[in-house]
Amino acid sequence: MDKGKTGKDPIAVASGRLGAFISHSRHDGLAVTAVARAKAAGRFLEQARAEAEVRGEQLSPAELERRAGMLRRAHFARMALKSVISRAKKTKTVGGQSDGLEEVATNHRDQLAS
């Protein structure tokens, strides 16, 4: 079966899309993902708490929440950067010239590994 440009089976994609529409018509999206969102928030809070403990800091609940929020933002920014680099590797150039993203990836390898 031809998987087209995306490399995904078009029947599986269409079937998945149909299932998502049906699920969203029957259930509140916030309720469906509440447990996963709570676990993710807990993970960032725990990471902020652990980093503060290593530094010997006593954080107020508000500061702990703020730092957890920053860790969450850093996580999603890191994923976005990895996505940009991945897409750039597929094309290699922008307008016939190197886009420089591989150099960025090399310079920030330690941040991407986190």
N, C-alpha and C. Protein backbone atom coordinates (compact mmCIF):
# COMPACT_ATOMS: atom_id res chain seq x y z
N MET A 1 0.84 -1.17 0.00
CA MET A 1 0.00 0.00 0.00
C MET A 1 0.88 1.24 0.00
N ASP A 2 0.54 2.21 -0.83
CA ASP A 2 1.28 3.46 -0.92
C ASP A 2 1.01 4.30 0.33
N LYS A 3 2.07 4.75 0.99
CA LYS A 3 1.91 5.52 2.21
C LYS A 3 2.03 7.02 1.97
N GLY A 4 2.18 7.44 0.73
CA GLY A 4 2.19 8.86 0.41
C GLY A 4 3.35 9.61 1.02
N LYS A 5 3.21 10.94 1.08
CA LYS A 5 4.28 11.81 1.55
C LYS A 5 4.57 11.64 3.04
N THR A 6 3.57 11.34 3.81
CA THR A 6 3.76 11.28 5.27
C THR A 6 4.37 9.97 5.75
N GLY A 7 4.34 8.95 4.93
CA GLY A 7 4.84 7.65 5.36
C GLY A 7 3.86 6.90 6.23
N LYS A 8 2.61 7.39 6.27
CA LYS A 8 1.59 6.75 7.10
C LYS A 8 0.53 6.14 6.20
N ASP A 9 -0.03 5.05 6.66
CA ASP A 9 -1.10 4.38 5.93
C ASP A 9 -2.32 5.29 5.90
N PRO A 10 -2.79 5.71 4.71
CA PRO A 10 -3.91 6.65 4.63
C PRO A 10 -5.20 6.09 5.22
N ILE A 11 -5.39 4.79 5.17
CA ILE A 11 -6.59 4.20 5.76
C ILE A 11 -6.52 4.29 7.28
N ALA A 12 -5.37 4.03 7.84
CA ALA A 12 -5.20 4.15 9.29
C ALA A 12 -5.38 5.59 9.74
N VAL A 13 -4.86 6.54 8.96
CA VAL A 13 -5.00 7.96 9.29
C VAL A 13 -6.47 8.35 9.28
N ALA A 14 -7.19 7.98 8.22
CA ALA A 14 -8.62 8.32 8.11
C ALA A 14 -9.43 7.65 9.22
N SER A 15 -9.10 6.41 9.53
CA SER A 15 -9.79 5.69 10.59
C SER A 15 -9.56 6.34 11.95
N GLY A 16 -8.33 6.73 12.20
CA GLY A 16 -8.00 7.41 13.45
C GLY A 16 -8.70 8.74 13.57
N ARG A 17 -8.75 9.48 12.49
CA ARG A 17 -9.43 10.77 12.47
C ARG A 17 -10.92 10.58 12.78
N LEU A 18 -11.53 9.58 12.15
CA LEU A 18 -12.94 9.29 12.40
C LEU A 18 -13.17 8.95 13.86
N GLY A 19 -12.32 8.10 14.42
CA GLY A 19 -12.45 7.73 15.83
C GLY A 19 -12.32 8.93 16.75
N ALA A 20 -11.40 9.84 16.43
CA ALA A 20 -11.23 11.05 17.24
C ALA A 20 -12.47 11.92 17.19
N PHE A 21 -13.05 12.09 16.01
CA PHE A 21 -14.27 12.90 15.89
C PHE A 21 -15.40 12.30 16.72
N ILE A 22 -15.55 10.99 16.66
CA ILE A 22 -16.62 10.32 17.42
C ILE A 22 -16.37 10.47 18.92
N SER A 23 -15.12 10.26 19.34
CA SER A 23 -14.79 10.39 20.75
C SER A 23 -15.06 11.81 21.25
N HIS A 24 -14.66 12.82 20.46
CA HIS A 24 -14.87 14.21 20.86
C HIS A 24 -16.35 14.59 20.86
N SER A 25 -17.14 13.90 20.08
CA SER A 25 -18.58 14.20 20.08
C SER A 25 -19.27 13.63 21.32
N ARG A 26 -18.65 12.65 21.95
CA ARG A 26 -19.27 11.96 23.08
C ARG A 26 -18.72 12.39 24.43
N HIS A 27 -17.50 12.91 24.46
CA HIS A 27 -16.83 13.19 25.73
C HIS A 27 -16.21 14.58 25.73
N ASP A 28 -16.13 15.18 26.90
CA ASP A 28 -15.45 16.46 27.07
C ASP A 28 -13.95 16.22 27.03
N GLY A 29 -13.26 16.93 26.16
CA GLY A 29 -11.82 16.75 26.00
C GLY A 29 -11.04 17.01 27.28
N LEU A 30 -11.46 18.00 28.06
CA LEU A 30 -10.77 18.28 29.31
C LEU A 30 -10.90 17.13 30.30
N ALA A 31 -12.07 16.52 30.33
CA ALA A 31 -12.28 15.40 31.24
C ALA A 31 -11.46 14.19 30.81
N VAL A 32 -11.38 13.96 29.51
CA VAL A 32 -10.66 12.80 28.99
C VAL A 32 -9.17 12.89 29.31
N THR A 33 -8.61 14.10 29.27
CA THR A 33 -7.17 14.26 29.46
C THR A 33 -6.79 14.74 30.86
N ALA A 34 -7.75 14.85 31.76
CA ALA A 34 -7.48 15.41 33.10
C ALA A 34 -6.39 14.64 33.85
N VAL A 35 -6.45 13.33 33.84
CA VAL A 35 -5.48 12.53 34.58
C VAL A 35 -4.07 12.73 34.00
N ALA A 36 -3.96 12.71 32.69
CA ALA A 36 -2.65 12.89 32.06
C ALA A 36 -2.08 14.28 32.34
N ARG A 37 -2.93 15.31 32.27
CA ARG A 37 -2.48 16.66 32.55
C ARG A 37 -2.03 16.81 34.00
N ALA A 38 -2.74 16.18 34.92
CA ALA A 38 -2.37 16.25 36.33
C ALA A 38 -1.03 15.55 36.58
N LYS A 39 -0.82 14.42 35.94
CA LYS A 39 0.46 13.71 36.11
C LYS A 39 1.62 14.53 35.54
N ALA A 40 1.40 15.16 34.38
CA ALA A 40 2.44 15.99 33.79
C ALA A 40 2.77 17.17 34.70
N ALA A 41 1.75 17.82 35.24
CA ALA A 41 1.97 18.95 36.15
C ALA A 41 2.74 18.48 37.38
N GLY A 42 2.39 17.32 37.90
CA GLY A 42 3.08 16.76 39.05
C GLY A 42 4.54 16.48 38.76
N ARG A 43 4.81 16.03 37.55
CA ARG A 43 6.19 15.74 37.16
C ARG A 43 7.03 17.01 37.17
N PHE A 44 6.49 18.11 36.65
CA PHE A 44 7.24 19.37 36.63
C PHE A 44 7.40 19.94 38.04
N LEU A 45 6.37 19.79 38.87
CA LEU A 45 6.48 20.23 40.27
C LEU A 45 7.57 19.45 41.00
N GLU A 46 7.59 18.15 40.79
CA GLU A 46 8.60 17.30 41.44
C GLU A 46 10.00 17.67 40.96
N GLN A 47 10.13 17.95 39.67
CA GLN A 47 11.44 18.34 39.15
C GLN A 47 11.89 19.66 39.76
N ALA A 48 10.98 20.63 39.87
CA ALA A 48 11.31 21.93 40.48
C ALA A 48 11.69 21.75 41.94
N ARG A 49 10.95 20.90 42.64
CA ARG A 49 11.21 20.64 44.06
C ARG A 49 12.59 19.99 44.23
N ALA A 50 12.90 19.01 43.37
CA ALA A 50 14.18 18.31 43.46
C ALA A 50 15.35 19.24 43.16
N GLU A 51 15.19 20.10 42.14
CA GLU A 51 16.27 21.03 41.82
C GLU A 51 16.50 22.03 42.95
N ALA A 52 15.43 22.49 43.59
CA ALA A 52 15.56 23.41 44.71
C ALA A 52 16.24 22.72 45.90
N GLU A 53 15.90 21.47 46.12
CA GLU A 53 16.49 20.72 47.22
C GLU A 53 17.99 20.55 47.02
N VAL A 54 18.41 20.27 45.78
CA VAL A 54 19.83 20.12 45.48
C VAL A 54 20.58 21.42 45.79
N ARG A 55 19.93 22.55 45.52
CA ARG A 55 20.54 23.85 45.79
C ARG A 55 20.37 24.29 47.24
N GLY A 56 19.64 23.53 48.04
CA GLY A 56 19.41 23.89 49.43
C GLY A 56 18.43 25.03 49.60
N GLU A 57 17.53 25.21 48.64
CA GLU A 57 16.57 26.31 48.69
C GLU A 57 15.25 25.85 49.32
N GLN A 58 14.62 26.74 50.05
CA GLN A 58 13.28 26.54 50.56
C GLN A 58 12.35 27.42 49.72
N LEU A 59 11.46 26.82 48.96
CA LEU A 59 10.60 27.59 48.06
C LEU A 59 9.19 27.70 48.60
N SER A 60 8.60 28.87 48.39
CA SER A 60 7.19 29.05 48.72
C SER A 60 6.38 28.28 47.68
N PRO A 61 5.14 27.94 48.00
CA PRO A 61 4.30 27.24 47.01
C PRO A 61 4.17 28.03 45.70
N ALA A 62 4.07 29.35 45.80
CA ALA A 62 3.94 30.17 44.59
C ALA A 62 5.21 30.08 43.73
N GLU A 63 6.38 30.13 44.39
CA GLU A 63 7.64 30.05 43.65
C GLU A 63 7.83 28.65 43.06
N LEU A 64 7.41 27.64 43.78
CA LEU A 64 7.48 26.28 43.27
C LEU A 64 6.62 26.14 42.02
N GLU A 65 5.42 26.68 42.04
CA GLU A 65 4.53 26.66 40.88
C GLU A 65 5.14 27.43 39.71
N ARG A 66 5.74 28.59 40.01
CA ARG A 66 6.35 29.39 38.95
C ARG A 66 7.47 28.63 38.26
N ARG A 67 8.32 28.02 39.09
CA ARG A 67 9.45 27.27 38.51
C ARG A 67 8.96 26.04 37.74
N ALA A 68 7.95 25.38 38.24
CA ALA A 68 7.39 24.23 37.53
C ALA A 68 6.84 24.68 36.17
N GLY A 69 6.20 25.84 36.15
CA GLY A 69 5.68 26.39 34.90
C GLY A 69 6.80 26.68 33.91
N MET A 70 7.92 27.21 34.42
CA MET A 70 9.06 27.49 33.54
C MET A 70 9.68 26.19 33.02
N LEU A 71 9.72 25.17 33.86
CA LEU A 71 10.23 23.87 33.41
C LEU A 71 9.32 23.29 32.33
N ARG A 72 8.02 23.47 32.49
CA ARG A 72 7.06 23.01 31.47
C ARG A 72 7.29 23.75 30.16
N ARG A 73 7.44 25.06 30.23
CA ARG A 73 7.69 25.84 29.02
C ARG A 73 9.00 25.43 28.36
N ALA A 74 10.03 25.20 29.17
CA ALA A 74 11.31 24.75 28.63
C ALA A 74 11.16 23.40 27.93
N HIS A 75 10.38 22.51 28.53
CA HIS A 75 10.14 21.19 27.94
C HIS A 75 9.53 21.32 26.55
N PHE A 76 8.48 22.14 26.43
CA PHE A 76 7.82 22.29 25.14
C PHE A 76 8.68 23.06 24.14
N ALA A 77 9.47 24.02 24.61
CA ALA A 77 10.39 24.73 23.72
C ALA A 77 11.46 23.78 23.20
N ARG A 78 11.94 22.88 24.08
CA ARG A 78 12.94 21.89 23.67
C ARG A 78 12.36 20.95 22.60
N MET A 79 11.11 20.53 22.80
CA MET A 79 10.47 19.66 21.80
C MET A 79 10.29 20.40 20.48
N ALA A 80 9.93 21.68 20.53
CA ALA A 80 9.76 22.47 19.31
C ALA A 80 11.09 22.60 18.58
N LEU A 81 12.17 22.84 19.32
CA LEU A 81 13.48 22.95 18.69
C LEU A 81 13.88 21.64 18.03
N LYS A 82 13.66 20.54 18.72
CA LYS A 82 13.97 19.23 18.13
C LYS A 82 13.17 19.01 16.85
N SER A 83 11.92 19.45 16.84
CA SER A 83 11.08 19.31 15.66
C SER A 83 11.62 20.13 14.49
N VAL A 84 12.02 21.36 14.77
CA VAL A 84 12.59 22.22 13.73
C VAL A 84 13.84 21.59 13.15
N ILE A 85 14.70 21.08 14.03
CA ILE A 85 15.95 20.47 13.57
C ILE A 85 15.65 19.22 12.76
N SER A 86 14.70 18.42 13.19
CA SER A 86 14.33 17.22 12.46
C SER A 86 13.83 17.55 11.06
N ARG A 87 12.95 18.55 10.97
CA ARG A 87 12.44 18.95 9.66
C ARG A 87 13.55 19.52 8.79
N ALA A 88 14.47 20.26 9.40
CA ALA A 88 15.57 20.85 8.64
C ALA A 88 16.49 19.76 8.08
N LYS A 89 16.68 18.70 8.83
CA LYS A 89 17.53 17.62 8.34
C LYS A 89 16.93 16.96 7.11
N LYS A 90 15.60 16.97 7.03
CA LYS A 90 14.94 16.38 5.87
C LYS A 90 15.13 17.24 4.63
N THR A 91 15.16 18.57 4.80
CA THR A 91 15.27 19.46 3.65
C THR A 91 16.70 19.94 3.43
N LYS A 92 17.48 20.05 4.49
CA LYS A 92 18.89 20.47 4.47
C LYS A 92 19.10 21.93 4.09
N THR A 93 18.27 22.52 3.27
CA THR A 93 18.51 23.89 2.84
C THR A 93 17.22 24.69 2.87
N VAL A 94 17.37 25.99 2.93
CA VAL A 94 16.26 26.92 2.80
C VAL A 94 16.65 27.90 1.71
N GLY A 95 15.90 27.97 0.64
CA GLY A 95 16.21 28.88 -0.45
C GLY A 95 17.54 28.56 -1.12
N GLY A 96 17.92 27.28 -1.14
CA GLY A 96 19.16 26.88 -1.80
C GLY A 96 20.39 27.05 -0.94
N GLN A 97 20.23 27.58 0.29
CA GLN A 97 21.37 27.78 1.17
C GLN A 97 21.16 26.99 2.46
N SER A 98 22.27 26.69 3.13
CA SER A 98 22.17 26.01 4.41
C SER A 98 21.40 26.88 5.38
N ASP A 99 20.52 26.28 6.16
CA ASP A 99 19.70 27.06 7.09
C ASP A 99 20.38 27.27 8.43
N GLY A 100 21.51 26.61 8.68
CA GLY A 100 22.25 26.80 9.92
C GLY A 100 21.70 26.05 11.12
N LEU A 101 20.63 25.30 10.95
CA LEU A 101 20.02 24.63 12.09
C LEU A 101 20.88 23.49 12.63
N GLU A 102 21.65 22.86 11.76
CA GLU A 102 22.51 21.78 12.27
C GLU A 102 23.58 22.35 13.19
N GLU A 103 24.05 23.57 12.89
CA GLU A 103 25.01 24.22 13.77
C GLU A 103 24.36 24.54 15.11
N VAL A 104 23.13 24.99 15.09
CA VAL A 104 22.39 25.26 16.32
C VAL A 104 22.27 23.97 17.12
N ALA A 105 21.95 22.89 16.44
CA ALA A 105 21.79 21.60 17.13
C ALA A 105 23.10 21.18 17.78
N THR A 106 24.20 21.36 17.07
CA THR A 106 25.50 20.99 17.61
C THR A 106 25.83 21.83 18.84
N ASN A 107 25.55 23.13 18.76
CA ASN A 107 25.88 24.03 19.87
C ASN A 107 25.00 23.81 21.09
N HIS A 108 23.82 23.23 20.90
CA HIS A 108 22.89 23.06 22.01
C HIS A 108 22.57 21.60 22.30
N ARG A 109 23.49 20.72 21.94
CA ARG A 109 23.26 19.30 22.11
C ARG A 109 22.94 18.93 23.56
N ASP A 110 23.64 19.54 24.52
CA ASP A 110 23.39 19.19 25.92
C ASP A 110 22.00 19.59 26.37
N GLN A 111 21.47 20.71 25.85
CA GLN A 111 20.12 21.13 26.21
C GLN A 111 19.09 20.20 25.58
N LEU A 112 19.35 19.70 24.39
CA LEU A 112 18.41 18.83 23.71
C LEU A 112 18.35 17.46 24.37
N ALA A 113 19.41 17.07 25.03
CA ALA A 113 19.45 15.75 25.67
C ALA A 113 18.62 15.71 26.94
N SER A 114 18.32 16.86 27.52
CA SER A 114 17.58 16.91 28.79
C SER A 114 16.18 16.42 28.64
